[in-house]
Each structure stands twice: as C-alpha cells, then as structure tokens.
PDB file of all heavy atoms in Angstrom:
ATOM      1  N   PRO A   1      51.780  37.937  41.436  1.00  0.00           N
ATOM      2  CA  PRO A   1      50.835  36.865  41.587  1.00  0.00           C
ATOM      3  C   PRO A   1      50.284  36.238  40.293  1.00  0.00           C
ATOM      4  O   PRO A   1      50.110  36.966  39.300  1.00  0.00           O
ATOM      5  CB  PRO A   1      49.692  37.548  42.297  1.00  0.00           C
ATOM      6  CG  PRO A   1      49.747  38.924  41.717  1.00  0.00           C
ATOM      7  CD  PRO A   1      51.199  39.297  41.483  1.00  0.00           C
ATOM      8  N   LEU A   2      50.000  35.084  40.323  1.00  0.00           N
ATOM      9  CA  LEU A   2      49.357  34.310  39.193  1.00  0.00           C
ATOM     10  C   LEU A   2      47.876  33.996  39.613  1.00  0.00           C
ATOM     11  O   LEU A   2      47.548  33.548  40.754  1.00  0.00           O
ATOM     12  CB  LEU A   2      49.991  32.934  38.924  1.00  0.00           C
ATOM     13  CG  LEU A   2      51.467  33.108  38.415  1.00  0.00           C
ATOM     14  CD1 LEU A   2      52.016  31.627  38.150  1.00  0.00           C
ATOM     15  CD2 LEU A   2      51.684  33.899  37.187  1.00  0.00           C
ATOM     16  N   THR A   3      46.936  34.223  38.643  1.00  0.00           N
ATOM     17  CA  THR A   3      45.547  33.791  38.859  1.00  0.00           C
ATOM     18  C   THR A   3      45.240  32.618  38.021  1.00  0.00           C
ATOM     19  O   THR A   3      45.307  32.702  36.734  1.00  0.00           O
ATOM     20  CB  THR A   3      44.635  35.028  38.513  1.00  0.00           C
ATOM     21  OG1 THR A   3      44.909  36.061  39.447  1.00  0.00           O
ATOM     22  CG2 THR A   3      43.188  34.623  38.545  1.00  0.00           C
ATOM     23  N   PHE A   4      44.799  31.537  38.498  1.00  0.00           N
ATOM     24  CA  PHE A   4      44.488  30.374  37.769  1.00  0.00           C
ATOM     25  C   PHE A   4      42.918  30.237  37.864  1.00  0.00           C
ATOM     26  O   PHE A   4      42.303  30.263  38.845  1.00  0.00           O
ATOM     27  CB  PHE A   4      44.998  29.181  38.507  1.00  0.00           C
ATOM     28  CG  PHE A   4      46.579  29.199  38.507  1.00  0.00           C
ATOM     29  CD1 PHE A   4      47.202  29.643  39.585  1.00  0.00           C
ATOM     30  CD2 PHE A   4      47.206  28.459  37.552  1.00  0.00           C
ATOM     31  CE1 PHE A   4      48.611  29.672  39.612  1.00  0.00           C
ATOM     32  CE2 PHE A   4      48.685  28.579  37.505  1.00  0.00           C
ATOM     33  CZ  PHE A   4      49.357  29.130  38.513  1.00  0.00           C
ATOM     34  N   ILE A   5      42.370  30.112  36.708  1.00  0.00           N
ATOM     35  CA  ILE A   5      40.861  29.985  36.540  1.00  0.00           C
ATOM     36  C   ILE A   5      40.588  28.574  35.920  1.00  0.00           C
ATOM     37  O   ILE A   5      41.143  28.366  34.727  1.00  0.00           O
ATOM     38  CB  ILE A   5      40.232  31.119  35.758  1.00  0.00           C
ATOM     39  CG1 ILE A   5      40.603  32.518  36.350  1.00  0.00           C
ATOM     40  CG2 ILE A   5      38.690  31.030  35.728  1.00  0.00           C
ATOM     41  CD1 ILE A   5      40.262  33.719  35.471  1.00  0.00           C
ATOM     42  N   LEU A   6      39.825  27.836  36.451  1.00  0.00           N
ATOM     43  CA  LEU A   6      39.495  26.525  36.060  1.00  0.00           C
ATOM     44  C   LEU A   6      38.019  26.302  35.753  1.00  0.00           C
ATOM     45  O   LEU A   6      37.169  26.687  36.624  1.00  0.00           O
ATOM     46  CB  LEU A   6      39.944  25.484  37.000  1.00  0.00           C
ATOM     47  CG  LEU A   6      39.786  23.912  36.727  1.00  0.00           C
ATOM     48  CD1 LEU A   6      40.734  23.594  35.464  1.00  0.00           C
ATOM     49  CD2 LEU A   6      40.123  23.089  37.847  1.00  0.00           C
ATOM     50  N   TRP A   7      37.670  25.814  34.525  1.00  0.00           N
ATOM     51  CA  TRP A   7      36.246  25.484  34.259  1.00  0.00           C
ATOM     52  C   TRP A   7      36.250  23.897  34.108  1.00  0.00           C
ATOM     53  O   TRP A   7      37.023  23.228  33.416  1.00  0.00           O
ATOM     54  CB  TRP A   7      35.760  26.041  32.913  1.00  0.00           C
ATOM     55  CG  TRP A   7      35.614  27.521  33.065  1.00  0.00           C
ATOM     56  CD1 TRP A   7      34.592  28.122  33.413  1.00  0.00           C
ATOM     57  CD2 TRP A   7      36.644  28.507  32.752  1.00  0.00           C
ATOM     58  NE1 TRP A   7      34.814  29.530  33.313  1.00  0.00           N
ATOM     59  CE2 TRP A   7      36.004  29.741  32.941  1.00  0.00           C
ATOM     60  CE3 TRP A   7      38.019  28.528  32.297  1.00  0.00           C
ATOM     61  CZ2 TRP A   7      36.788  30.989  32.757  1.00  0.00           C
ATOM     62  CZ3 TRP A   7      38.697  29.631  32.155  1.00  0.00           C
ATOM     63  CH2 TRP A   7      38.159  30.917  32.314  1.00  0.00           C
ATOM     64  N   THR A   8      35.339  23.275  34.871  1.00  0.00           N
ATOM     65  CA  THR A   8      35.282  21.858  34.776  1.00  0.00           C
ATOM     66  C   THR A   8      34.429  21.361  33.618  1.00  0.00           C
ATOM     67  O   THR A   8      33.897  22.176  32.848  1.00  0.00           O
ATOM     68  CB  THR A   8      34.531  21.357  36.117  1.00  0.00           C
ATOM     69  OG1 THR A   8      33.282  21.952  36.237  1.00  0.00           O
ATOM     70  CG2 THR A   8      35.358  21.649  37.293  1.00  0.00           C
ATOM     71  N   ALA A   9      34.488  20.140  33.354  1.00  0.00           N
ATOM     72  CA  ALA A   9      33.699  19.536  32.169  1.00  0.00           C
ATOM     73  C   ALA A   9      32.283  19.829  32.236  1.00  0.00           C
ATOM     74  O   ALA A   9      31.640  19.765  33.294  1.00  0.00           O
ATOM     75  CB  ALA A   9      34.007  17.994  32.146  1.00  0.00           C
ATOM     76  N   THR A  10      31.747  20.228  31.062  1.00  0.00           N
ATOM     77  CA  THR A  10      30.310  20.572  30.980  1.00  0.00           C
ATOM     78  C   THR A  10      29.662  19.913  29.849  1.00  0.00           C
ATOM     79  O   THR A  10      30.402  19.317  28.884  1.00  0.00           O
ATOM     80  CB  THR A  10      30.130  22.036  30.816  1.00  0.00           C
ATOM     81  OG1 THR A  10      30.760  22.462  29.687  1.00  0.00           O
ATOM     82  CG2 THR A  10      30.619  22.888  32.029  1.00  0.00           C
ATOM     83  N   THR A  11      28.334  19.829  29.809  1.00  0.00           N
ATOM     84  CA  THR A  11      27.562  19.271  28.707  1.00  0.00           C
ATOM     85  C   THR A  11      26.763  20.312  28.010  1.00  0.00           C
ATOM     86  O   THR A  11      25.985  20.950  28.679  1.00  0.00           O
ATOM     87  CB  THR A  11      26.689  18.072  29.205  1.00  0.00           C
ATOM     88  OG1 THR A  11      27.404  17.075  29.914  1.00  0.00           O
ATOM     89  CG2 THR A  11      25.932  17.440  28.061  1.00  0.00           C
ATOM     90  N   GLU A  12      26.906  20.407  26.705  1.00  0.00           N
ATOM     91  CA  GLU A  12      25.987  21.352  25.992  1.00  0.00           C
ATOM     92  C   GLU A  12      24.698  20.726  25.788  1.00  0.00           C
ATOM     93  O   GLU A  12      24.525  19.585  25.384  1.00  0.00           O
ATOM     94  CB  GLU A  12      26.696  21.651  24.580  1.00  0.00           C
ATOM     95  CG  GLU A  12      27.902  22.561  24.669  1.00  0.00           C
ATOM     96  CD  GLU A  12      28.443  22.896  23.360  1.00  0.00           C
ATOM     97  OE1 GLU A  12      28.165  22.218  22.272  1.00  0.00           O
ATOM     98  OE2 GLU A  12      29.005  24.154  23.194  1.00  0.00           O
ATOM     99  N   ASP A  13      23.616  21.553  25.925  1.00  0.00           N
ATOM    100  CA  ASP A  13      22.224  21.043  25.855  1.00  0.00           C
ATOM    101  C   ASP A  13      21.953  20.639  24.406  1.00  0.00           C
ATOM    102  O   ASP A  13      21.226  19.798  24.195  1.00  0.00           O
ATOM    103  CB  ASP A  13      21.292  22.063  26.408  1.00  0.00           C
ATOM    104  CG  ASP A  13      21.486  22.437  27.814  1.00  0.00           C
ATOM    105  OD1 ASP A  13      21.853  21.491  28.515  1.00  0.00           O
ATOM    106  OD2 ASP A  13      21.119  23.494  28.235  1.00  0.00           O
ATOM    107  N   GLU A  14      22.372  21.394  23.460  1.00  0.00           N
ATOM    108  CA  GLU A  14      21.989  21.239  22.084  1.00  0.00           C
ATOM    109  C   GLU A  14      22.315  19.816  21.516  1.00  0.00           C
ATOM    110  O   GLU A  14      21.547  19.161  20.861  1.00  0.00           O
ATOM    111  CB  GLU A  14      22.516  22.264  21.155  1.00  0.00           C
ATOM    112  CG  GLU A  14      21.976  23.692  21.421  1.00  0.00           C
ATOM    113  CD  GLU A  14      22.529  24.716  20.594  1.00  0.00           C
ATOM    114  OE1 GLU A  14      23.335  24.361  19.634  1.00  0.00           O
ATOM    115  OE2 GLU A  14      22.196  25.878  20.688  1.00  0.00           O
ATOM    116  N   ASN A  15      23.608  19.373  21.706  1.00  0.00           N
ATOM    117  CA  ASN A  15      24.077  18.193  21.113  1.00  0.00           C
ATOM    118  C   ASN A  15      24.463  17.128  22.067  1.00  0.00           C
ATOM    119  O   ASN A  15      24.932  16.030  21.721  1.00  0.00           O
ATOM    120  CB  ASN A  15      25.071  18.372  20.114  1.00  0.00           C
ATOM    121  CG  ASN A  15      26.204  19.261  20.675  1.00  0.00           C
ATOM    122  OD1 ASN A  15      26.394  19.286  21.849  1.00  0.00           O
ATOM    123  ND2 ASN A  15      26.962  19.864  19.758  1.00  0.00           N
ATOM    124  N   ASP A  16      24.409  17.464  23.373  1.00  0.00           N
ATOM    125  CA  ASP A  16      24.690  16.576  24.429  1.00  0.00           C
ATOM    126  C   ASP A  16      26.116  16.122  24.417  1.00  0.00           C
ATOM    127  O   ASP A  16      26.508  15.113  24.961  1.00  0.00           O
ATOM    128  CB  ASP A  16      23.793  15.309  24.528  1.00  0.00           C
ATOM    129  CG  ASP A  16      23.829  14.612  25.862  1.00  0.00           C
ATOM    130  OD1 ASP A  16      23.924  15.381  26.830  1.00  0.00           O
ATOM    131  OD2 ASP A  16      23.604  13.495  25.849  1.00  0.00           O
ATOM    132  N   GLU A  17      26.994  16.958  23.821  1.00  0.00           N
ATOM    133  CA  GLU A  17      28.481  16.754  23.827  1.00  0.00           C
ATOM    134  C   GLU A  17      29.118  17.277  25.019  1.00  0.00           C
ATOM    135  O   GLU A  17      28.970  18.363  25.386  1.00  0.00           O
ATOM    136  CB  GLU A  17      29.095  17.228  22.478  1.00  0.00           C
ATOM    137  CG  GLU A  17      28.713  16.545  21.303  1.00  0.00           C
ATOM    138  CD  GLU A  17      29.425  17.012  20.132  1.00  0.00           C
ATOM    139  OE1 GLU A  17      30.339  17.948  20.297  1.00  0.00           O
ATOM    140  OE2 GLU A  17      29.219  16.660  18.971  1.00  0.00           O
ATOM    141  N   ARG A  18      29.909  16.468  25.665  1.00  0.00           N
ATOM    142  CA  ARG A  18      30.715  16.812  26.872  1.00  0.00           C
ATOM    143  C   ARG A  18      31.869  17.619  26.527  1.00  0.00           C
ATOM    144  O   ARG A  18      32.797  17.135  25.816  1.00  0.00           O
ATOM    145  CB  ARG A  18      31.095  15.590  27.660  1.00  0.00           C
ATOM    146  CG  ARG A  18      31.528  16.000  29.097  1.00  0.00           C
ATOM    147  CD  ARG A  18      31.526  14.753  29.963  1.00  0.00           C
ATOM    148  NE  ARG A  18      32.072  15.025  31.359  1.00  0.00           N
ATOM    149  CZ  ARG A  18      31.351  15.467  32.267  1.00  0.00           C
ATOM    150  NH1 ARG A  18      30.032  15.788  32.036  1.00  0.00           N
ATOM    151  NH2 ARG A  18      31.794  15.685  33.498  1.00  0.00           N
ATOM    152  N   LEU A  19      31.993  18.877  27.033  1.00  0.00           N
ATOM    153  CA  LEU A  19      33.116  19.704  26.757  1.00  0.00           C
ATOM    154  C   LEU A  19      34.186  19.450  27.833  1.00  0.00           C
ATOM    155  O   LEU A  19      33.935  19.271  29.034  1.00  0.00           O
ATOM    156  CB  LEU A  19      32.717  21.231  26.908  1.00  0.00           C
ATOM    157  CG  LEU A  19      31.707  21.640  25.815  1.00  0.00           C
ATOM    158  CD1 LEU A  19      31.400  23.132  25.996  1.00  0.00           C
ATOM    159  CD2 LEU A  19      32.267  21.391  24.378  1.00  0.00           C
ATOM    160  N   PRO A  20      35.447  19.344  27.463  1.00  0.00           N
ATOM    161  CA  PRO A  20      36.505  19.064  28.452  1.00  0.00           C
ATOM    162  C   PRO A  20      36.756  20.166  29.448  1.00  0.00           C
ATOM    163  O   PRO A  20      36.360  21.268  29.064  1.00  0.00           O
ATOM    164  CB  PRO A  20      37.676  18.660  27.580  1.00  0.00           C
ATOM    165  CG  PRO A  20      37.428  19.505  26.255  1.00  0.00           C
ATOM    166  CD  PRO A  20      35.923  19.498  26.123  1.00  0.00           C
ATOM    167  N   PRO A  21      37.519  19.885  30.478  1.00  0.00           N
ATOM    168  CA  PRO A  21      37.883  20.927  31.417  1.00  0.00           C
ATOM    169  C   PRO A  21      38.853  22.080  30.599  1.00  0.00           C
ATOM    170  O   PRO A  21      39.440  21.546  29.680  1.00  0.00           O
ATOM    171  CB  PRO A  21      38.615  20.240  32.441  1.00  0.00           C
ATOM    172  CG  PRO A  21      38.241  18.830  32.403  1.00  0.00           C
ATOM    173  CD  PRO A  21      37.870  18.564  30.980  1.00  0.00           C
ATOM    174  N   SER A  22      38.805  23.173  31.045  1.00  0.00           N
ATOM    175  CA  SER A  22      39.665  24.188  30.397  1.00  0.00           C
ATOM    176  C   SER A  22      40.186  25.093  31.507  1.00  0.00           C
ATOM    177  O   SER A  22      39.632  25.175  32.642  1.00  0.00           O
ATOM    178  CB  SER A  22      38.870  24.985  29.373  1.00  0.00           C
ATOM    179  OG  SER A  22      37.833  25.726  29.891  1.00  0.00           O
ATOM    180  N   ALA A  23      41.095  25.793  31.236  1.00  0.00           N
ATOM    181  CA  ALA A  23      41.757  26.791  32.220  1.00  0.00           C
ATOM    182  C   ALA A  23      42.345  28.029  31.571  1.00  0.00           C
ATOM    183  O   ALA A  23      42.602  28.045  30.398  1.00  0.00           O
ATOM    184  CB  ALA A  23      42.775  25.998  33.022  1.00  0.00           C
ATOM    185  N   LYS A  24      42.625  29.077  32.423  1.00  0.00           N
ATOM    186  CA  LYS A  24      43.253  30.236  31.925  1.00  0.00           C
ATOM    187  C   LYS A  24      44.167  30.733  33.075  1.00  0.00           C
ATOM    188  O   LYS A  24      43.827  30.549  34.315  1.00  0.00           O
ATOM    189  CB  LYS A  24      42.222  31.342  31.752  1.00  0.00           C
ATOM    190  CG  LYS A  24      42.785  32.638  31.229  1.00  0.00           C
ATOM    191  CD  LYS A  24      41.707  33.640  30.746  1.00  0.00           C
ATOM    192  CE  LYS A  24      41.143  33.314  29.440  1.00  0.00           C
ATOM    193  NZ  LYS A  24      40.301  34.444  28.860  1.00  0.00           N
ATOM    194  N   VAL A  25      45.323  31.145  32.755  1.00  0.00           N
ATOM    195  CA  VAL A  25      46.309  31.731  33.617  1.00  0.00           C
ATOM    196  C   VAL A  25      46.594  33.155  33.381  1.00  0.00           C
ATOM    197  O   VAL A  25      46.980  33.526  32.290  1.00  0.00           O
ATOM    198  CB  VAL A  25      47.643  30.880  33.625  1.00  0.00           C
ATOM    199  CG1 VAL A  25      48.610  31.500  34.694  1.00  0.00           C
ATOM    200  CG2 VAL A  25      47.360  29.458  33.987  1.00  0.00           C
ATOM    201  N   LEU A  26      46.269  33.938  34.349  1.00  0.00           N
ATOM    202  CA  LEU A  26      46.437  35.477  34.154  1.00  0.00           C
ATOM    203  C   LEU A  26      47.402  36.087  35.103  1.00  0.00           C
ATOM    204  O   LEU A  26      47.800  35.453  36.119  1.00  0.00           O
ATOM    205  CB  LEU A  26      45.049  36.163  34.394  1.00  0.00           C
ATOM    206  CG  LEU A  26      43.999  35.784  33.370  1.00  0.00           C
ATOM    207  CD1 LEU A  26      42.587  36.358  33.795  1.00  0.00           C
ATOM    208  CD2 LEU A  26      44.197  36.080  31.913  1.00  0.00           C
ATOM    209  N   PHE A  27      47.841  37.345  34.797  1.00  0.00           N
ATOM    210  CA  PHE A  27      48.885  37.930  35.598  1.00  0.00           C
ATOM    211  C   PHE A  27      48.408  39.254  36.060  1.00  0.00           C
ATOM    212  O   PHE A  27      47.572  39.970  35.456  1.00  0.00           O
ATOM    213  CB  PHE A  27      50.180  38.173  34.694  1.00  0.00           C
ATOM    214  CG  PHE A  27      50.746  36.926  34.243  1.00  0.00           C
ATOM    215  CD1 PHE A  27      50.299  36.416  33.000  1.00  0.00           C
ATOM    216  CD2 PHE A  27      51.721  36.176  34.898  1.00  0.00           C
ATOM    217  CE1 PHE A  27      50.805  35.252  32.406  1.00  0.00           C
ATOM    218  CE2 PHE A  27      52.226  35.067  34.354  1.00  0.00           C
ATOM    219  CZ  PHE A  27      51.756  34.579  33.137  1.00  0.00           C
ATOM    220  N   ASP A  28      48.856  39.757  37.235  1.00  0.00           N
ATOM    221  CA  ASP A  28      48.717  41.130  37.550  1.00  0.00           C
ATOM    222  C   ASP A  28      49.568  41.955  36.737  1.00  0.00           C
ATOM    223  O   ASP A  28      50.751  41.618  36.343  1.00  0.00           O
ATOM    224  CB  ASP A  28      49.134  41.510  38.929  1.00  0.00           C
ATOM    225  CG  ASP A  28      48.738  42.842  39.529  1.00  0.00           C
ATOM    226  OD1 ASP A  28      47.552  43.035  39.831  1.00  0.00           O
ATOM    227  OD2 ASP A  28      49.585  43.632  39.448  1.00  0.00           O
ATOM    228  N   GLU A  29      49.054  43.109  36.212  1.00  0.00           N
ATOM    229  CA  GLU A  29      49.756  43.937  35.228  1.00  0.00           C
ATOM    230  C   GLU A  29      51.179  44.320  35.810  1.00  0.00           C
ATOM    231  O   GLU A  29      52.109  44.651  35.026  1.00  0.00           O
ATOM    232  CB  GLU A  29      48.932  45.177  34.926  1.00  0.00           C
ATOM    233  CG  GLU A  29      49.446  45.936  33.767  1.00  0.00           C
ATOM    234  CD  GLU A  29      48.517  47.157  33.491  1.00  0.00           C
ATOM    235  OE1 GLU A  29      48.085  47.811  34.470  1.00  0.00           O
ATOM    236  OE2 GLU A  29      48.277  47.446  32.229  1.00  0.00           O
ATOM    237  N   SER A  30      51.320  44.387  37.122  1.00  0.00           N
ATOM    238  CA  SER A  30      52.516  44.857  37.646  1.00  0.00           C
ATOM    239  C   SER A  30      53.684  43.962  37.397  1.00  0.00           C
ATOM    240  O   SER A  30      54.833  44.328  37.618  1.00  0.00           O
ATOM    241  CB  SER A  30      52.263  45.062  39.168  1.00  0.00           C
ATOM    242  OG  SER A  30      52.031  43.712  39.818  1.00  0.00           O
ATOM    243  N   ALA A  31      53.469  42.692  37.017  1.00  0.00           N
ATOM    244  CA  ALA A  31      54.498  41.679  36.926  1.00  0.00           C
ATOM    245  C   ALA A  31      55.668  42.218  35.924  1.00  0.00           C
ATOM    246  O   ALA A  31      56.775  41.848  36.108  1.00  0.00           O
ATOM    247  CB  ALA A  31      53.996  40.422  36.422  1.00  0.00           C
ATOM    248  N   GLY A  32      55.308  42.966  34.908  1.00  0.00           N
ATOM    249  CA  GLY A  32      56.141  43.463  33.933  1.00  0.00           C
ATOM    250  C   GLY A  32      57.161  44.438  34.529  1.00  0.00           C
ATOM    251  O   GLY A  32      58.191  44.759  33.852  1.00  0.00           O
ATOM    252  N   LYS A  33      56.980  45.014  35.672  1.00  0.00           N
ATOM    253  CA  LYS A  33      57.881  45.890  36.240  1.00  0.00           C
ATOM    254  C   LYS A  33      59.090  45.191  36.877  1.00  0.00           C
ATOM    255  O   LYS A  33      60.136  45.771  37.013  1.00  0.00           O
ATOM    256  CB  LYS A  33      57.216  46.680  37.448  1.00  0.00           C
ATOM    257  CG  LYS A  33      56.119  47.559  37.022  1.00  0.00           C
ATOM    258  CD  LYS A  33      55.573  48.340  38.180  1.00  0.00           C
ATOM    259  CE  LYS A  33      54.436  49.275  37.827  1.00  0.00           C
ATOM    260  NZ  LYS A  33      53.827  49.885  38.936  1.00  0.00           N
ATOM    261  N   PHE A  34      58.946  43.960  37.097  1.00  0.00           N
ATOM    262  CA  PHE A  34      59.993  43.173  37.862  1.00  0.00           C
ATOM    263  C   PHE A  34      60.743  42.151  37.007  1.00  0.00           C
ATOM    264  O   PHE A  34      61.978  41.933  37.279  1.00  0.00           O
ATOM    265  CB  PHE A  34      59.333  42.415  39.047  1.00  0.00           C
ATOM    266  CG  PHE A  34      58.436  43.311  39.907  1.00  0.00           C
ATOM    267  CD1 PHE A  34      57.098  43.076  40.086  1.00  0.00           C
ATOM    268  CD2 PHE A  34      59.002  44.433  40.598  1.00  0.00           C
ATOM    269  CE1 PHE A  34      56.296  43.996  40.700  1.00  0.00           C
ATOM    270  CE2 PHE A  34      58.265  45.325  41.262  1.00  0.00           C
ATOM    271  CZ  PHE A  34      56.788  45.051  41.389  1.00  0.00           C
ATOM    272  N   LEU A  35      60.143  41.589  35.980  1.00  0.00           N
ATOM    273  CA  LEU A  35      60.659  40.475  35.164  1.00  0.00           C
ATOM    274  C   LEU A  35      60.276  40.720  33.792  1.00  0.00           C
ATOM    275  O   LEU A  35      59.109  41.264  33.428  1.00  0.00           O
ATOM    276  CB  LEU A  35      60.283  39.164  35.609  1.00  0.00           C
ATOM    277  CG  LEU A  35      60.637  38.644  37.084  1.00  0.00           C
ATOM    278  CD1 LEU A  35      60.097  37.304  37.386  1.00  0.00           C
ATOM    279  CD2 LEU A  35      62.210  38.608  37.173  1.00  0.00           C
ATOM    280  N   ASN A  36      61.187  40.264  32.851  1.00  0.00           N
ATOM    281  CA  ASN A  36      60.696  40.333  31.422  1.00  0.00           C
ATOM    282  C   ASN A  36      59.832  39.105  31.170  1.00  0.00           C
ATOM    283  O   ASN A  36      59.639  38.277  31.905  1.00  0.00           O
ATOM    284  CB  ASN A  36      62.031  40.365  30.512  1.00  0.00           C
ATOM    285  CG  ASN A  36      62.836  39.175  30.645  1.00  0.00           C
ATOM    286  OD1 ASN A  36      62.448  38.005  30.827  1.00  0.00           O
ATOM    287  ND2 ASN A  36      64.138  39.343  30.496  1.00  0.00           N
ATOM    288  N   VAL A  37      59.273  39.086  29.937  1.00  0.00           N
ATOM    289  CA  VAL A  37      58.214  38.106  29.565  1.00  0.00           C
ATOM    290  C   VAL A  37      58.828  36.718  29.659  1.00  0.00           C
ATOM    291  O   VAL A  37      58.152  35.750  30.039  1.00  0.00           O
ATOM    292  CB  VAL A  37      57.626  38.410  28.261  1.00  0.00           C
ATOM    293  CG1 VAL A  37      58.556  38.251  27.030  1.00  0.00           C
ATOM    294  CG2 VAL A  37      56.324  37.705  28.088  1.00  0.00           C
ATOM    295  N   GLU A  38      60.121  36.569  29.222  1.00  0.00           N
ATOM    296  CA  GLU A  38      60.678  35.258  29.269  1.00  0.00           C
ATOM    297  C   GLU A  38      60.693  34.723  30.743  1.00  0.00           C
ATOM    298  O   GLU A  38      60.558  33.612  31.041  1.00  0.00           O
ATOM    299  CB  GLU A  38      62.036  35.304  28.702  1.00  0.00           C
ATOM    300  CG  GLU A  38      62.767  33.903  28.663  1.00  0.00           C
ATOM    301  CD  GLU A  38      64.153  33.940  27.972  1.00  0.00           C
ATOM    302  OE1 GLU A  38      64.627  35.065  27.671  1.00  0.00           O
ATOM    303  OE2 GLU A  38      64.741  32.833  27.897  1.00  0.00           O
TER     304      GLU A  38
END
C-alpha cells in the first residue's frame, strides 16, 4: 500500500507569506519483501 499525505496551502502569521501545498508518499515496511526499490 502507498500512503499519500497532503498539506494544503497555508499562511504564516509572522510574515503573512503563503506556503505552497506539499505532500509526502510513504510505504508500508512490508513492501520490501515483494519488490526491490527500483
């Protein structure tokens, strides 16, 4: 399984700069039993 985590655009209070969206993609540790990293 793949886990997709998404953070939407936010604004920092200190300088009022808008931070762009960001994401992370994680894996269950078991994936390495079935396929190599490539």
